Amino acid sequence: MNVIRFSDLCAQGKAQGQRVFIRADLNVPQNEAGAITEDTRIRASVPCIRMALDAGAAVMVTSHLGRPTEGVLTPEDSLAPVAERLTELLGRPVPLVRDWTDGVQVEPGQVVLLENCRCNKGEKKNDEVLSRKLAALCDIYVNDAFGTAHRAEATTYGIAQFAPIASAGPLLAAELDALQKALAQPKRPLVAIVAGSKVSTKLTILQALASKVDQLIVGGGIANTFMLAQGLPIGKSLAEPDLVDQAKAVIAAMKQRGAEVPIPTDVVTAKEFKADAPAAVKKSADVAPDDLILDIGPQTAELLASQLKAAGTIVWNGPVGVFEMASFENGTKTIAKAIAGSSAFSIAGGGDTLAAIAKYGIEKDVGYISTGGGAFLEVLEGKTLPAFEILAKRSAEA
């Protein structure tokens, strides 16, 4: 997919003296007092902002924060704490501008933060009147917010339709490159790990991947449903018996292509869902009626680890057990270490997956860590994200 890259525009001197509008993802968690508790997304936005400033542009940045009511700005929804943090990270003042849709005062070499864009009426519905007003604010539009790339809103889609130039920022471009490398032109074998509590939330992903991957590793409640589909007992474990037929269809589709869905041969069980519950390793066929399956067993974990080490490309979404509890973390830990030790190109996404990566300290060993949860999942489903679609269209017209 071809898009105009903001880095290329800067290298060509095309951003100098221009009004640059950056849609970032600064939606960070805050405590009850309004203090930022985790600033990864803010730090991730800094390279694009610096790139624009170094190119001599007049820089406007905006983002959503929380779930505000359109047309209403409350102190809880304000980007004021984000402006403070950006000021610290950039080492220069970052004024916060309210009521900005009708015009923004900013000079080349300066940066301003535009208040929560979802407080503007028409933002979420991608209102054309609002989109045209936003496009009039800038000479170059930059989308650097992959986490919102699956939404067609005024600051993610509409403005890109009408701005003189619409481009992808470094974060968005990196996501696009990594996803294409993993899914469009993968080095084989391509192994996908899809785990989570419910098949229903990831059924379309499983179905889409069944036609692409060489191995589809399932974990968590999803694996329990697949075990049911193979006639194995799962006790009182989390599962969706009404989706057994769909699980069988995924297994059959994989088998037809000479690919496979490895079903756990052993599991770790407990009688209660508690961190201090006694854990027992059992053969999959020996799960008792009152057992809860809370992790894959060591034999299964080692088998999957050897397959991951031999992979050419790995896509990872979801831990394979209750890794937050020490007794039930071995499966996820073993898989994480195998991915870290594999020569495969790996891409990982989803909140629980990122938490596992952080817990086992393998950030530097994963090829690419995706910043967008919902957007990452929609790409795995085979969907074309609205933000990519409009940027590709504008690139083709240029």
Protein backbone atom coordinates (compact mmCIF):
# COMPACT_ATOMS: atom_id res chain seq x y z
CA MET A 1 0.00 0.00 0.00
CA ASN A 2 1.50 3.32 -1.09
CA VAL A 3 1.02 6.39 1.09
CA ILE A 4 2.73 9.77 1.21
CA ARG A 5 5.18 9.67 4.11
CA PHE A 6 5.66 12.78 6.21
CA SER A 7 9.34 11.89 6.64
CA ASP A 8 9.79 12.14 2.85
CA LEU A 9 8.04 15.53 2.75
CA CYS A 10 10.38 16.82 5.46
CA ALA A 11 13.47 15.41 3.73
CA GLN A 12 12.41 17.16 0.53
CA GLY A 13 11.99 20.48 2.33
CA LYS A 14 8.25 20.54 1.60
CA ALA A 15 7.24 21.12 5.24
CA GLN A 16 9.30 24.30 5.74
CA GLY A 17 7.06 27.24 6.64
CA GLN A 18 3.95 25.08 6.20
CA ARG A 19 1.05 24.62 8.60
CA VAL A 20 1.22 20.97 9.71
CA PHE A 21 -1.73 19.32 11.46
CA ILE A 22 -0.75 16.11 13.32
CA ARG A 23 -3.44 13.68 14.52
CA ALA A 24 -1.66 11.86 17.34
CA ASP A 25 -2.87 9.25 19.81
CA LEU A 26 -2.39 10.86 23.22
CA ASN A 27 -5.20 8.95 24.93
CA VAL A 28 -3.28 8.11 28.11
CA PRO A 29 -4.54 6.67 31.41
CA GLN A 30 -4.98 9.05 34.33
CA ASN A 31 -5.73 8.64 38.04
CA GLU A 32 -8.65 10.23 39.87
CA ALA A 33 -6.63 13.41 40.44
CA GLY A 34 -6.08 13.74 36.67
CA ALA A 35 -2.38 12.83 36.78
CA ILE A 36 -1.01 10.74 33.90
CA THR A 37 -0.16 7.23 35.12
CA GLU A 38 1.49 5.89 31.93
CA ASP A 39 2.88 8.10 29.15
CA THR A 40 4.01 5.65 26.44
CA ARG A 41 1.69 7.12 23.82
CA ILE A 42 2.86 10.67 24.51
CA ARG A 43 6.52 9.65 24.21
CA ALA A 44 5.71 7.75 21.02
CA SER A 45 4.25 10.92 19.47
CA VAL A 46 7.37 13.03 20.07
CA PRO A 47 9.43 11.91 17.01
CA CYS A 48 6.75 13.09 14.57
CA ILE A 49 6.35 16.44 16.37
CA ARG A 50 10.12 16.95 16.46
CA MET A 51 10.36 16.01 12.79
CA ALA A 52 7.85 18.75 11.93
CA LEU A 53 9.56 21.34 14.14
CA ASP A 54 13.01 20.52 12.77
CA ALA A 55 11.59 20.92 9.26
CA GLY A 56 10.55 24.49 10.11
CA ALA A 57 6.80 23.89 10.15
CA ALA A 58 4.09 25.60 12.18
CA VAL A 59 2.85 22.60 14.14
CA MET A 60 -0.63 21.78 15.44
CA VAL A 61 -1.22 18.52 17.33
CA THR A 62 -4.51 17.05 18.49
CA SER A 63 -5.87 13.83 19.95
CA HIS A 64 -8.90 12.39 21.65
CA LEU A 65 -8.84 11.63 25.38
CA GLY A 66 -11.42 9.48 27.11
CA ARG A 67 -15.04 9.43 25.94
CA PRO A 68 -16.29 13.03 26.11
CA THR A 69 -19.74 14.25 25.13
CA GLU A 70 -19.48 16.10 21.81
CA GLY A 71 -19.86 19.84 22.27
CA VAL A 72 -18.95 19.66 25.96
CA LEU A 73 -15.44 20.08 27.41
CA THR A 74 -15.09 19.11 31.05
CA PRO A 75 -11.84 19.36 33.09
CA GLU A 76 -11.68 15.54 33.07
CA ASP A 77 -11.63 15.48 29.26
CA SER A 78 -9.03 18.23 28.86
CA LEU A 79 -5.63 17.58 27.30
CA ALA A 80 -4.05 19.98 29.84
CA PRO A 81 -1.99 17.22 31.58
CA VAL A 82 -0.82 16.06 28.13
CA ALA A 83 0.28 19.60 27.24
CA GLU A 84 2.35 19.70 30.44
CA ARG A 85 4.02 16.37 29.66
CA LEU A 86 4.73 17.36 26.04
CA THR A 87 6.29 20.61 27.30
CA GLU A 88 8.66 18.53 29.45
CA LEU A 89 9.49 16.03 26.70
CA LEU A 90 10.04 18.63 23.96
CA GLY A 91 11.83 21.12 26.21
CA ARG A 92 9.71 23.98 24.88
CA PRO A 93 6.30 25.48 25.67
CA VAL A 94 3.31 23.61 24.25
CA PRO A 95 0.30 25.93 24.70
CA LEU A 96 -3.14 24.29 24.87
CA VAL A 97 -5.68 25.88 22.50
CA ARG A 98 -9.45 25.72 23.07
CA ASP A 99 -12.14 26.46 20.45
CA TRP A 100 -9.73 25.95 17.59
CA THR A 101 -11.84 24.76 14.65
CA ASP A 102 -12.25 28.27 13.17
CA GLY A 103 -8.55 29.16 13.20
CA VAL A 104 -5.24 28.60 15.00
CA GLN A 105 -2.43 31.08 15.58
CA VAL A 106 0.92 29.30 15.31
CA GLU A 107 4.19 30.36 13.70
CA PRO A 108 6.85 28.23 11.97
CA GLY A 109 9.04 26.63 14.63
CA GLN A 110 6.22 26.67 17.18
CA VAL A 111 3.91 23.87 18.35
CA VAL A 112 0.46 24.06 19.93
CA LEU A 113 -1.78 21.32 21.29
CA LEU A 114 -5.40 21.56 20.16
CA GLU A 115 -7.93 20.58 22.81
CA ASN A 116 -9.62 17.14 22.79
CA CYS A 117 -10.86 16.67 19.22
CA ARG A 118 -13.77 14.46 20.27
CA CYS A 119 -15.33 17.46 22.01
CA ASN A 120 -15.98 18.94 18.55
CA LYS A 121 -19.52 18.33 17.28
CA GLY A 122 -19.40 16.04 14.25
CA GLU A 123 -16.01 14.47 15.01
CA LYS A 124 -17.16 10.88 15.49
CA LYS A 125 -19.64 10.98 12.61
CA ASN A 126 -16.96 12.35 10.24
CA ASP A 127 -19.10 15.42 9.49
CA GLU A 128 -18.11 16.93 6.14
CA VAL A 129 -18.57 20.56 7.22
CA LEU A 130 -16.26 19.99 10.22
CA SER A 131 -13.78 18.02 8.09
CA ARG A 132 -13.51 20.86 5.56
CA LYS A 133 -12.97 23.40 8.37
CA LEU A 134 -10.16 21.26 9.81
CA ALA A 135 -8.57 20.81 6.38
CA ALA A 136 -8.54 24.61 5.94
CA LEU A 137 -6.33 24.91 9.03
CA CYS A 138 -3.37 23.18 7.41
CA ASP A 139 -1.15 22.77 4.36
CA ILE A 140 -0.10 19.24 5.36
CA TYR A 141 -2.16 16.72 7.32
CA VAL A 142 -0.28 13.97 9.17
CA ASN A 143 -1.97 10.90 10.65
CA ASP A 144 0.29 9.40 13.30
CA ALA A 145 -2.43 7.67 15.35
CA PHE A 146 -2.60 3.97 14.45
CA GLY A 147 -4.79 3.29 17.50
CA THR A 148 -7.63 5.19 15.78
CA ALA A 149 -6.89 4.05 12.21
CA HIS A 150 -9.93 1.74 12.23
CA ARG A 151 -12.30 4.68 12.80
CA ALA A 152 -13.51 7.04 10.06
CA GLU A 153 -13.75 10.30 12.01
CA ALA A 154 -13.21 13.94 11.10
CA THR A 155 -9.58 14.03 12.36
CA THR A 156 -8.68 10.57 11.06
CA TYR A 157 -10.48 10.45 7.71
CA GLY A 158 -12.46 13.57 6.74
CA ILE A 159 -9.57 16.01 7.08
CA ALA A 160 -7.41 13.67 4.98
CA GLN A 161 -9.99 13.89 2.18
CA PHE A 162 -9.81 17.67 1.92
CA ALA A 163 -6.33 18.75 3.14
CA PRO A 164 -3.93 19.92 0.39
CA ILE A 165 -1.57 17.05 1.30
CA ALA A 166 -2.43 14.01 3.44
CA SER A 167 0.44 11.91 4.81
CA ALA A 168 1.37 9.15 7.23
CA GLY A 169 3.52 10.02 10.24
CA PRO A 170 6.45 7.82 11.29
CA LEU A 171 4.40 5.75 13.78
CA LEU A 172 1.60 5.04 11.31
CA ALA A 173 4.08 4.29 8.50
CA ALA A 174 5.98 1.86 10.74
CA GLU A 175 2.73 0.03 11.60
CA LEU A 176 1.85 -0.20 7.92
CA ASP A 177 5.29 -1.57 7.02
CA ALA A 178 5.26 -4.12 9.85
CA LEU A 179 1.75 -5.36 9.06
CA GLN A 180 2.54 -5.71 5.36
CA LYS A 181 5.74 -7.59 6.18
CA ALA A 182 3.87 -9.95 8.53
CA LEU A 183 0.67 -10.54 6.55
CA ALA A 184 1.07 -9.43 2.93
CA GLN A 185 4.59 -10.74 2.22
CA PRO A 186 5.43 -13.08 5.11
CA LYS A 187 8.49 -15.26 5.31
CA ARG A 188 7.23 -18.81 5.83
CA PRO A 189 6.30 -20.64 7.94
CA LEU A 190 3.81 -18.03 9.16
CA VAL A 191 2.64 -18.78 12.70
CA ALA A 192 -0.20 -16.89 14.40
CA ILE A 193 -0.97 -17.00 18.11
CA VAL A 194 -4.55 -15.96 18.84
CA ALA A 195 -5.58 -16.26 22.46
CA GLY A 196 -8.22 -14.80 24.70
CA SER A 197 -11.26 -15.68 26.72
CA LYS A 198 -13.82 -15.97 23.91
CA VAL A 199 -13.89 -17.44 20.41
CA SER A 200 -16.83 -15.15 19.58
CA THR A 201 -14.73 -11.98 19.90
CA LYS A 202 -12.03 -13.37 17.62
CA LEU A 203 -13.94 -15.77 15.37
CA THR A 204 -13.60 -13.59 12.27
CA ILE A 205 -9.86 -13.27 12.94
CA LEU A 206 -9.48 -17.04 13.28
CA GLN A 207 -11.45 -17.57 10.06
CA ALA A 208 -9.37 -14.98 8.17
CA LEU A 209 -6.06 -16.38 9.41
CA ALA A 210 -7.09 -19.96 8.62
CA SER A 211 -6.61 -19.19 4.93
CA LYS A 212 -3.18 -17.57 5.40
CA VAL A 213 -1.12 -19.10 8.19
CA ASP A 214 0.84 -22.33 8.40
CA GLN A 215 0.07 -22.78 12.09
CA LEU A 216 -2.67 -21.25 14.21
CA ILE A 217 -1.88 -21.49 17.90
CA VAL A 218 -4.93 -20.92 20.10
CA GLY A 219 -4.86 -20.22 23.83
CA GLY A 220 -7.01 -19.29 26.82
CA GLY A 221 -10.76 -19.81 26.60
CA ILE A 222 -10.42 -20.04 22.81
CA ALA A 223 -8.23 -23.15 23.19
CA ASN A 224 -10.83 -24.72 25.49
CA THR A 225 -13.49 -24.37 22.79
CA PHE A 226 -11.11 -25.97 20.27
CA MET A 227 -10.42 -28.81 22.74
CA LEU A 228 -14.20 -29.40 22.95
CA ALA A 229 -14.27 -29.51 19.15
CA GLN A 230 -11.74 -32.35 19.32
CA GLY A 231 -13.82 -34.26 21.86
CA LEU A 232 -11.57 -33.51 24.84
CA PRO A 233 -12.91 -32.84 28.37
CA ILE A 234 -12.49 -29.32 29.74
CA GLY A 235 -14.24 -29.63 33.14
CA LYS A 236 -15.78 -26.33 34.21
CA SER A 237 -13.34 -24.24 32.15
CA LEU A 238 -14.35 -21.10 30.28
CA ALA A 239 -15.53 -22.06 26.78
CA GLU A 240 -18.27 -21.48 24.21
CA PRO A 241 -19.88 -24.85 23.37
CA ASP A 242 -22.22 -23.21 20.85
CA LEU A 243 -19.19 -22.29 18.72
CA VAL A 244 -17.73 -25.81 18.52
CA ASP A 245 -18.90 -26.16 14.90
CA GLN A 246 -17.07 -22.96 13.92
CA ALA A 247 -13.93 -24.22 15.67
CA LYS A 248 -14.23 -27.51 13.74
CA ALA A 249 -14.56 -25.52 10.50
CA VAL A 250 -11.36 -23.58 11.25
CA ILE A 251 -9.49 -26.85 11.99
CA ALA A 252 -10.84 -28.38 8.75
CA ALA A 253 -9.91 -25.31 6.66
CA MET A 254 -6.37 -25.45 8.02
CA LYS A 255 -6.07 -29.21 7.49
CA GLN A 256 -7.21 -28.88 3.87
CA ARG A 257 -4.21 -26.61 3.23
CA GLY A 258 -1.76 -28.90 5.01
CA ALA A 259 -1.66 -26.49 7.95
CA GLU A 260 -2.66 -27.17 11.55
CA VAL A 261 -4.18 -25.92 14.79
CA PRO A 262 -2.05 -27.53 17.52
CA ILE A 263 -4.40 -28.70 20.30
CA PRO A 264 -2.86 -28.81 23.82
CA THR A 265 -1.75 -32.30 24.81
CA ASP A 266 -1.38 -31.29 28.46
CA VAL A 267 -2.79 -28.47 30.58
CA VAL A 268 -2.41 -26.82 33.99
CA THR A 269 -5.58 -26.99 36.06
CA ALA A 270 -6.92 -25.79 39.42
CA LYS A 271 -10.19 -26.25 41.28
CA GLU A 272 -10.60 -22.48 41.80
CA PHE A 273 -9.69 -19.32 39.89
CA LYS A 274 -7.26 -18.03 42.53
CA ALA A 275 -3.57 -17.14 42.51
CA ASP A 276 -2.93 -19.44 45.47
CA ALA A 277 -5.05 -22.34 44.17
CA PRO A 278 -2.99 -25.56 43.95
CA ALA A 279 -1.99 -26.16 40.33
CA ALA A 280 -1.94 -29.60 38.70
CA VAL A 281 -0.43 -30.62 35.35
CA LYS A 282 -2.64 -33.11 33.53
CA LYS A 283 -2.91 -34.82 30.17
CA SER A 284 -5.65 -33.10 28.17
CA ALA A 285 -7.70 -36.30 28.17
CA ASP A 286 -7.58 -36.48 32.00
CA VAL A 287 -9.26 -33.16 32.90
CA ALA A 288 -11.79 -33.76 35.70
CA PRO A 289 -15.36 -32.40 35.70
CA ASP A 290 -14.52 -29.88 38.47
CA ASP A 291 -11.21 -28.70 36.91
CA LEU A 292 -10.51 -25.24 35.53
CA ILE A 293 -7.90 -25.12 32.73
CA LEU A 294 -5.78 -22.02 33.42
CA ASP A 295 -2.72 -22.63 31.23
CA ILE A 296 -1.25 -24.94 28.61
CA GLY A 297 0.96 -27.65 30.04
CA PRO A 298 4.79 -27.77 29.90
CA GLN A 299 4.86 -30.43 27.17
CA THR A 300 2.56 -28.35 24.94
CA ALA A 301 4.51 -25.17 25.74
CA GLU A 302 7.82 -26.77 24.69
CA LEU A 303 6.30 -28.17 21.49
CA LEU A 304 4.91 -24.74 20.55
CA ALA A 305 8.22 -23.09 21.49
CA SER A 306 10.11 -25.34 19.06
CA GLN A 307 7.63 -24.46 16.30
CA LEU A 308 8.00 -20.74 17.01
CA LYS A 309 11.78 -20.97 16.89
CA ALA A 310 11.50 -22.53 13.41
CA ALA A 311 9.02 -19.91 12.14
CA GLY A 312 9.73 -17.29 9.49
CA THR A 313 7.04 -14.87 10.68
CA ILE A 314 5.10 -14.74 13.96
CA VAL A 315 1.91 -12.77 14.69
CA TRP A 316 1.04 -12.70 18.40
CA ASN A 317 -2.24 -11.58 19.92
CA GLY A 318 -3.03 -12.79 23.41
CA PRO A 319 -1.42 -14.74 26.29
CA VAL A 320 -2.11 -18.50 26.35
CA GLY A 321 -2.88 -18.72 30.08
CA VAL A 322 -3.55 -16.66 33.19
CA PHE A 323 -0.02 -15.26 33.12
CA GLU A 324 -0.76 -12.73 35.85
CA MET A 325 -0.73 -15.63 38.35
CA ALA A 326 2.65 -17.29 38.95
CA SER A 327 1.25 -20.84 38.93
CA PHE A 328 -0.33 -20.34 35.50
CA GLU A 329 2.24 -18.24 33.66
CA ASN A 330 4.59 -20.92 32.31
CA GLY A 331 2.86 -21.29 28.94
CA THR A 332 2.88 -17.58 28.15
CA LYS A 333 6.40 -17.18 29.54
CA THR A 334 7.72 -20.08 27.43
CA ILE A 335 6.09 -18.71 24.29
CA ALA A 336 7.37 -15.18 24.99
CA LYS A 337 10.93 -16.47 25.44
CA ALA A 338 10.63 -18.58 22.26
CA ILE A 339 9.50 -15.56 20.25
CA ALA A 340 12.39 -13.55 21.71
CA GLY A 341 14.84 -16.29 20.73
CA SER A 342 13.43 -16.88 17.26
CA SER A 343 15.03 -15.44 14.12
CA ALA A 344 11.50 -14.88 12.73
CA PHE A 345 10.07 -11.43 12.14
CA SER A 346 7.51 -11.02 14.93
CA ILE A 347 4.69 -8.54 15.35
CA ALA A 348 2.65 -8.36 18.56
CA GLY A 349 -0.43 -6.38 19.52
CA GLY A 350 -3.22 -6.14 22.09
CA GLY A 351 -3.16 -4.89 25.67
CA ASP A 352 -2.64 -8.24 27.42
CA THR A 353 0.07 -9.19 24.92
CA LEU A 354 1.94 -5.94 25.60
CA ALA A 355 1.64 -6.58 29.34
CA ALA A 356 3.19 -10.04 28.86
CA ILE A 357 6.00 -8.60 26.72
CA ALA A 358 6.75 -6.06 29.46
CA LYS A 359 6.57 -8.68 32.23
CA TYR A 360 9.15 -10.90 30.53
CA GLY A 361 11.35 -8.03 29.33
CA ILE A 362 11.41 -9.03 25.65
CA GLU A 363 10.53 -5.62 24.13
CA LYS A 364 13.81 -5.42 22.22
CA ASP A 365 13.45 -8.97 20.89
CA VAL A 366 10.04 -8.52 19.24
CA GLY A 367 10.27 -7.30 15.64
CA TYR A 368 7.44 -4.81 16.00
CA ILE A 369 5.07 -4.00 18.87
CA SER A 370 1.79 -2.59 17.57
CA THR A 371 0.34 0.39 19.43
CA GLY A 372 -3.29 -0.15 18.41
CA GLY A 373 -5.55 -2.77 19.99
CA GLY A 374 -8.74 -2.58 17.93
CA ALA A 375 -6.93 -1.46 14.79
CA PHE A 376 -4.46 -4.36 15.05
CA LEU A 377 -7.30 -6.86 15.40
CA GLU A 378 -9.15 -5.45 12.38
CA VAL A 379 -6.02 -5.82 10.23
CA LEU A 380 -5.75 -9.45 11.36
CA GLU A 381 -9.38 -9.86 10.24
CA GLY A 382 -8.28 -8.81 6.77
CA LYS A 383 -10.03 -5.45 6.87
CA THR A 384 -8.64 -2.34 5.20
CA LEU A 385 -8.53 0.39 7.84
CA PRO A 386 -10.23 3.70 6.90
CA ALA A 387 -7.10 5.75 7.73
CA PHE A 388 -4.94 3.60 5.43
CA GLU A 389 -7.61 3.63 2.74
CA ILE A 390 -7.90 7.44 2.51
CA LEU A 391 -4.12 7.99 2.70
CA ALA A 392 -3.59 5.47 -0.12
CA LYS A 393 -6.29 7.19 -2.19
CA ARG A 394 -4.71 10.61 -1.67
CA SER A 395 -1.30 9.21 -2.57
CA ALA A 396 -2.68 7.77 -5.82
CA GLU A 397 -4.18 11.16 -6.70
CA ALA A 398 -0.96 13.07 -6.00
